[in-house]
C-alpha atoms as a PDB file:
ATOM      1  CA  MET A   1       2.988  -4.108  -9.297  1.00  0.00           C
ATOM      2  CA  GLN A   2       6.565  -5.108  -9.281  1.00  0.00           C
ATOM      3  CA  VAL A   3       7.127  -3.948 -12.849  1.00  0.00           C
ATOM      4  CA  ALA A   4       5.731  -0.503 -12.528  1.00  0.00           C
ATOM      5  CA  ARG A   5       7.889   0.072  -9.754  1.00  0.00           C
ATOM      6  CA  ALA A   6      10.403  -0.794 -11.464  1.00  0.00           C
ATOM      7  CA  PHE A   7       9.428   1.857 -14.141  1.00  0.00           C
ATOM      8  CA  ALA A   8       8.997   4.303 -11.585  1.00  0.00           C
ATOM      9  CA  GLN A   9      12.715   4.342 -11.058  1.00  0.00           C
ATOM     10  CA  ARG A  10      13.226   5.624 -14.397  1.00  0.00           C
ATOM     11  CA  SER A  11      11.592   8.687 -13.704  1.00  0.00           C
ATOM     12  CA  THR A  12      13.490  12.224 -14.411  1.00  0.00           C
ATOM     13  CA  CYS A  13      11.168  14.168 -12.138  1.00  0.00           C
ATOM     14  CA  ASP A  14      11.998  13.888  -8.459  1.00  0.00           C
ATOM     15  CA  ARG A  15       8.594  15.706  -6.840  1.00  0.00           C
ATOM     16  CA  ALA A  16       7.322  11.896  -7.225  1.00  0.00           C
ATOM     17  CA  HIS A  17       9.116   8.612  -8.666  1.00  0.00           C
ATOM     18  CA  VAL A  18       5.726   7.189 -10.486  1.00  0.00           C
ATOM     19  CA  GLY A  19       5.576   3.977 -12.830  1.00  0.00           C
ATOM     20  CA  CYS A  20       2.910   2.055 -14.609  1.00  0.00           C
ATOM     21  CA  VAL A  21       2.209  -0.880 -16.455  1.00  0.00           C
ATOM     22  CA  ILE A  22      -0.897  -1.178 -18.449  1.00  0.00           C
ATOM     23  CA  VAL A  23      -2.416  -4.764 -19.464  1.00  0.00           C
ATOM     24  CA  SER A  24      -4.719  -5.382 -22.560  1.00  0.00           C
ATOM     25  CA  PRO A  25      -7.053  -8.002 -22.255  1.00  0.00           C
ATOM     26  CA  ASP A  26      -4.573 -10.213 -24.468  1.00  0.00           C
ATOM     27  CA  PHE A  27      -1.937  -9.682 -22.244  1.00  0.00           C
ATOM     28  CA  GLN A  28       0.093  -7.242 -24.348  1.00  0.00           C
ATOM     29  CA  MET A  29       1.790  -4.288 -22.320  1.00  0.00           C
ATOM     30  CA  VAL A  30       2.666  -1.049 -22.213  1.00  0.00           C
ATOM     31  CA  TYR A  31       4.380   1.334 -19.724  1.00  0.00           C
ATOM     32  CA  GLY A  32       5.162   4.546 -18.708  1.00  0.00           C
ATOM     33  CA  TYR A  33       6.783   6.740 -16.009  1.00  0.00           C
ATOM     34  CA  ASN A  34       6.561  10.594 -15.256  1.00  0.00           C
ATOM     35  CA  GLY A  35       9.178  12.712 -17.269  1.00  0.00           C
ATOM     36  CA  ALA A  36       9.446  15.423 -20.077  1.00  0.00           C
ATOM     37  CA  LEU A  37       7.865  14.900 -23.411  1.00  0.00           C
ATOM     38  CA  PRO A  38      10.476  13.495 -25.844  1.00  0.00           C
ATOM     39  CA  GLY A  39      13.331  15.957 -26.874  1.00  0.00           C
ATOM     40  CA  GLN A  40      12.617  18.724 -24.007  1.00  0.00           C
ATOM     41  CA  PRO A  41      14.812  18.744 -20.974  1.00  0.00           C
ATOM     42  CA  HIS A  42      13.635  16.889 -17.502  1.00  0.00           C
ATOM     43  CA  CYS A  43      13.448  18.143 -14.557  1.00  0.00           C
ATOM     44  CA  ASP A  44      16.720  16.847 -13.222  1.00  0.00           C
ATOM     45  CA  ASP A  45      18.682  18.453 -15.929  1.00  0.00           C
ATOM     46  CA  ALA A  46      16.709  21.785 -16.042  1.00  0.00           C
ATOM     47  CA  GLY A  47      14.806  22.042 -12.994  1.00  0.00           C
ATOM     48  CA  HIS A  48      10.905  21.895 -12.241  1.00  0.00           C
ATOM     49  CA  LEU A  49       8.749  24.527 -14.410  1.00  0.00           C
ATOM     50  CA  MET A  50       6.517  24.937 -11.673  1.00  0.00           C
ATOM     51  CA  VAL A  51       3.075  26.646 -11.783  1.00  0.00           C
ATOM     52  CA  ASP A  52       0.584  27.052  -9.145  1.00  0.00           C
ATOM     53  CA  GLY A  53       2.299  24.362  -7.072  1.00  0.00           C
ATOM     54  CA  TYR A  54       2.647  21.706  -9.636  1.00  0.00           C
ATOM     55  CA  CYS A  55       5.536  20.794 -12.445  1.00  0.00           C
ATOM     56  CA  GLN A  56       4.583  21.138 -15.808  1.00  0.00           C
ATOM     57  CA  ARG A  57       7.685  20.376 -17.273  1.00  0.00           C
ATOM     58  CA  ALA A  58       6.943  16.169 -16.713  1.00  0.00           C
ATOM     59  CA  LEU A  59       4.038  13.944 -17.664  1.00  0.00           C
ATOM     60  CA  HIS A  60       2.683  11.890 -15.852  1.00  0.00           C
ATOM     61  CA  ALA A  61       3.677   8.302 -15.683  1.00  0.00           C
ATOM     62  CA  GLU A  62      -0.136   7.655 -16.790  1.00  0.00           C
ATOM     63  CA  GLN A  63      -0.358   9.760 -19.504  1.00  0.00           C
ATOM     64  CA  ASN A  64       2.807   8.336 -20.963  1.00  0.00           C
ATOM     65  CA  ALA A  65       1.596   5.165 -21.445  1.00  0.00           C
ATOM     66  CA  ILE A  66      -1.630   5.771 -23.008  1.00  0.00           C
ATOM     67  CA  ILE A  67       0.601   8.155 -25.578  1.00  0.00           C
ATOM     68  CA  LYS A  68       2.876   4.988 -25.887  1.00  0.00           C
ATOM     69  CA  ALA A  69      -0.080   2.674 -26.502  1.00  0.00           C
ATOM     70  CA  ALA A  70      -1.576   5.141 -28.939  1.00  0.00           C
ATOM     71  CA  ARG A  71       1.744   6.009 -30.713  1.00  0.00           C
ATOM     72  CA  THR A  72       4.005   3.437 -31.405  1.00  0.00           C
ATOM     73  CA  SER A  73       2.671   0.487 -29.933  1.00  0.00           C
ATOM     74  CA  GLY A  74      -0.872   0.192 -31.015  1.00  0.00           C
ATOM     75  CA  VAL A  75      -2.340  -1.676 -28.557  1.00  0.00           C
ATOM     76  CA  SER A  76      -6.132  -1.318 -27.262  1.00  0.00           C
ATOM     77  CA  LEU A  77      -6.406  -0.153 -24.182  1.00  0.00           C
ATOM     78  CA  GLU A  78     -10.486  -1.426 -24.188  1.00  0.00           C
ATOM     79  CA  GLU A  79     -11.171  -3.312 -21.261  1.00  0.00           C
ATOM     80  CA  ALA A  80      -7.762  -3.145 -19.654  1.00  0.00           C
ATOM     81  CA  THR A  81      -5.755  -2.842 -16.195  1.00  0.00           C
ATOM     82  CA  ILE A  82      -3.319  -0.528 -15.110  1.00  0.00           C
ATOM     83  CA  TYR A  83      -0.685  -0.867 -12.567  1.00  0.00           C
ATOM     84  CA  THR A  84       0.486   2.278 -11.113  1.00  0.00           C
ATOM     85  CA  THR A  85       2.870   3.148  -8.149  1.00  0.00           C
ATOM     86  CA  HIS A  86       0.622   6.356  -7.169  1.00  0.00           C
ATOM     87  CA  TYR A  87      -3.005   7.102  -7.220  1.00  0.00           C
ATOM     88  CA  PRO A  88      -3.854   8.746 -10.743  1.00  0.00           C
ATOM     89  CA  CYS A  89      -4.671  12.370 -10.373  1.00  0.00           C
ATOM     90  CA  PRO A  90      -7.907  13.748 -11.715  1.00  0.00           C
ATOM     91  CA  VAL A  91      -6.630  14.315 -15.487  1.00  0.00           C
ATOM     92  CA  CYS A  92      -5.161  11.080 -15.383  1.00  0.00           C
ATOM     93  CA  THR A  93      -8.366   9.216 -14.371  1.00  0.00           C
ATOM     94  CA  LYS A  94     -10.147  10.958 -17.192  1.00  0.00           C
ATOM     95  CA  MET A  95      -7.723   9.605 -19.731  1.00  0.00           C
ATOM     96  CA  LEU A  96      -7.423   6.113 -18.189  1.00  0.00           C
ATOM     97  CA  ILE A  97     -11.665   6.253 -18.287  1.00  0.00           C
ATOM     98  CA  ALA A  98     -11.454   7.856 -21.620  1.00  0.00           C
ATOM     99  CA  SER A  99      -9.418   5.041 -23.030  1.00  0.00           C
ATOM    100  CA  GLY A 100     -11.237   2.410 -21.720  1.00  0.00           C
ATOM    101  CA  ILE A 101      -9.112   1.372 -18.897  1.00  0.00           C
ATOM    102  CA  ARG A 102     -11.544  -0.681 -16.502  1.00  0.00           C
ATOM    103  CA  ARG A 103      -8.995  -1.640 -13.109  1.00  0.00           C
ATOM    104  CA  VAL A 104      -6.317   0.564 -11.122  1.00  0.00           C
ATOM    105  CA  PHE A 105      -4.142  -0.778  -8.890  1.00  0.00           C
ATOM    106  CA  TYR A 106      -1.869   0.975  -6.980  1.00  0.00           C
ATOM    107  CA  HIS A 107       0.246   1.152  -4.154  1.00  0.00           C
ATOM    108  CA  TYR A 108       0.162   5.129  -3.006  1.00  0.00           C
ATOM    109  CA  ALA A 109      -2.438   7.786  -2.366  1.00  0.00           C
ATOM    110  CA  TYR A 110      -2.048  10.908  -4.668  1.00  0.00           C
ATOM    111  CA  ARG A 111      -3.256  13.750  -2.652  1.00  0.00           C
ATOM    112  CA  PRO A 112      -6.822  13.037  -0.454  1.00  0.00           C
ATOM    113  CA  ASP A 113      -8.415  15.774  -2.294  1.00  0.00           C
ATOM    114  CA  LEU A 114      -8.053  15.375  -5.927  1.00  0.00           C
ATOM    115  CA  ASP A 115      -8.167  11.326  -4.802  1.00  0.00           C
ATOM    116  CA  ALA A 116     -11.873  12.114  -4.022  1.00  0.00           C
ATOM    117  CA  ILE A 117     -12.395  13.668  -7.460  1.00  0.00           C
ATOM    118  CA  SER A 118     -10.329  10.367  -8.813  1.00  0.00           C
ATOM    119  CA  ASP A 119     -12.855   8.510  -7.206  1.00  0.00           C
ATOM    120  CA  ALA A 120     -16.026   9.870  -8.153  1.00  0.00           C
ATOM    121  CA  MET A 121     -14.978   9.776 -11.812  1.00  0.00           C
ATOM    122  CA  MET A 122     -14.056   6.354 -11.622  1.00  0.00           C
ATOM    123  CA  ARG A 123     -17.209   5.308  -9.728  1.00  0.00           C
ATOM    124  CA  ALA A 124     -19.609   7.182 -12.035  1.00  0.00           C
ATOM    125  CA  SER A 125     -17.559   4.932 -15.025  1.00  0.00           C
ATOM    126  CA  ASN A 126     -17.834   1.533 -13.638  1.00  0.00           C
ATOM    127  CA  VAL A 127     -14.324   1.991 -12.970  1.00  0.00           C
ATOM    128  CA  TYR A 128     -12.672   0.045  -9.916  1.00  0.00           C
ATOM    129  CA  SER A 129      -9.814   0.741  -8.169  1.00  0.00           C
ATOM    130  CA  ILE A 130      -8.000  -1.437  -5.890  1.00  0.00           C
ATOM    131  CA  ILE A 131      -4.937  -0.610  -3.371  1.00  0.00           C
ATOM    132  CA  MET A 132      -1.745  -2.916  -3.231  1.00  0.00           C
ATOM    133  CA  PRO A 133      -0.309  -2.820   0.184  1.00  0.00           C
ATOM    134  CA  LEU A 134       3.431  -2.773   0.248  1.00  0.00           C
ATOM    135  CA  GLU A 135       4.926  -5.371   2.806  1.00  0.00           C
ATOM    136  CA  ALA A 136       5.538  -2.291   4.646  1.00  0.00           C
ATOM    137  CA  GLN A 137       2.871  -0.233   4.456  1.00  0.00           C
ATOM    138  CA  SER A 138       0.384  -3.126   5.498  1.00  0.00           C
ATOM    139  CA  GLU A 139       0.603  -2.094   9.611  1.00  0.00           C
ATOM    140  CA  LEU A 140       0.252   1.823   8.231  1.00  0.00           C
ATOM    141  CA  LEU A 141      -2.696   0.716   6.286  1.00  0.00           C
ATOM    142  CA  LEU A 142      -4.649  -1.054   9.067  1.00  0.00           C
ATOM    143  CA  ASP A 143      -4.367   1.963  11.217  1.00  0.00           C
ATOM    144  CA  LEU A 144      -5.867   4.151   8.763  1.00  0.00           C
ATOM    145  CA  GLY A 145      -8.716   2.144   8.179  1.00  0.00           C
ATOM    146  CA  GLY A 146      -7.775  -0.438   6.053  1.00  0.00           C
ATOM    147  CA  PRO A 147      -7.007  -1.041   2.007  1.00  0.00           C
ATOM    148  CA  ARG A 148      -9.460   0.823   0.100  1.00  0.00           C
ATOM    149  CA  TRP A 149     -11.551  -1.062  -2.517  1.00  0.00           C
ATOM    150  CA  ILE A 150     -13.907   1.070  -4.726  1.00  0.00           C
ATOM    151  CA  ASP A 151     -16.582  -0.824  -6.088  1.00  0.00           C
ATOM    152  CA  PRO A 152     -18.407   1.519  -8.759  1.00  0.00           C
ATOM    153  CA  SER A 153     -21.897   0.147  -7.596  1.00  0.00           C
ATOM    154  CA  THR A 154     -21.608   1.398  -3.932  1.00  0.00           C
ATOM    155  CA  SER A 155     -22.449   4.893  -2.745  1.00  0.00           C
ATOM    156  CA  PRO A 156     -19.006   6.789  -1.324  1.00  0.00           C
ATOM    157  CA  THR A 157     -18.319   6.423   2.258  1.00  0.00           C
END
């Protein structure tokens, strides 16, 4: 998780500094952070390209990592694990599931309304989602009902 947090610092969209590392079963790694398409201006330089409250300029960290695995690294993500600073949005969740990732470890929620959609997709696809609280978050998480472990074999609570 420390590596994912380090890559989050490379983010070029200040709406959320998100980083991730995907580890394949044979320990090959790819990383990602949110930022513009290659050769395109970054939010830090050109500002946000907002549509319906979302920045359209930046790719999400998970998207960047999956693209890197396919385009430059040749890493199979079948049965892989992702360590990400933020819970994946529904679009990234679909990409993670389709690429074969089976476990998602994260620090922060994304948006409760969208997290519920991602939760349902992961559960239906037998993908495990595990929150890994930072030391400073532990007390807050206990106040909110404790850490979340989504086991796909159980029904939503």
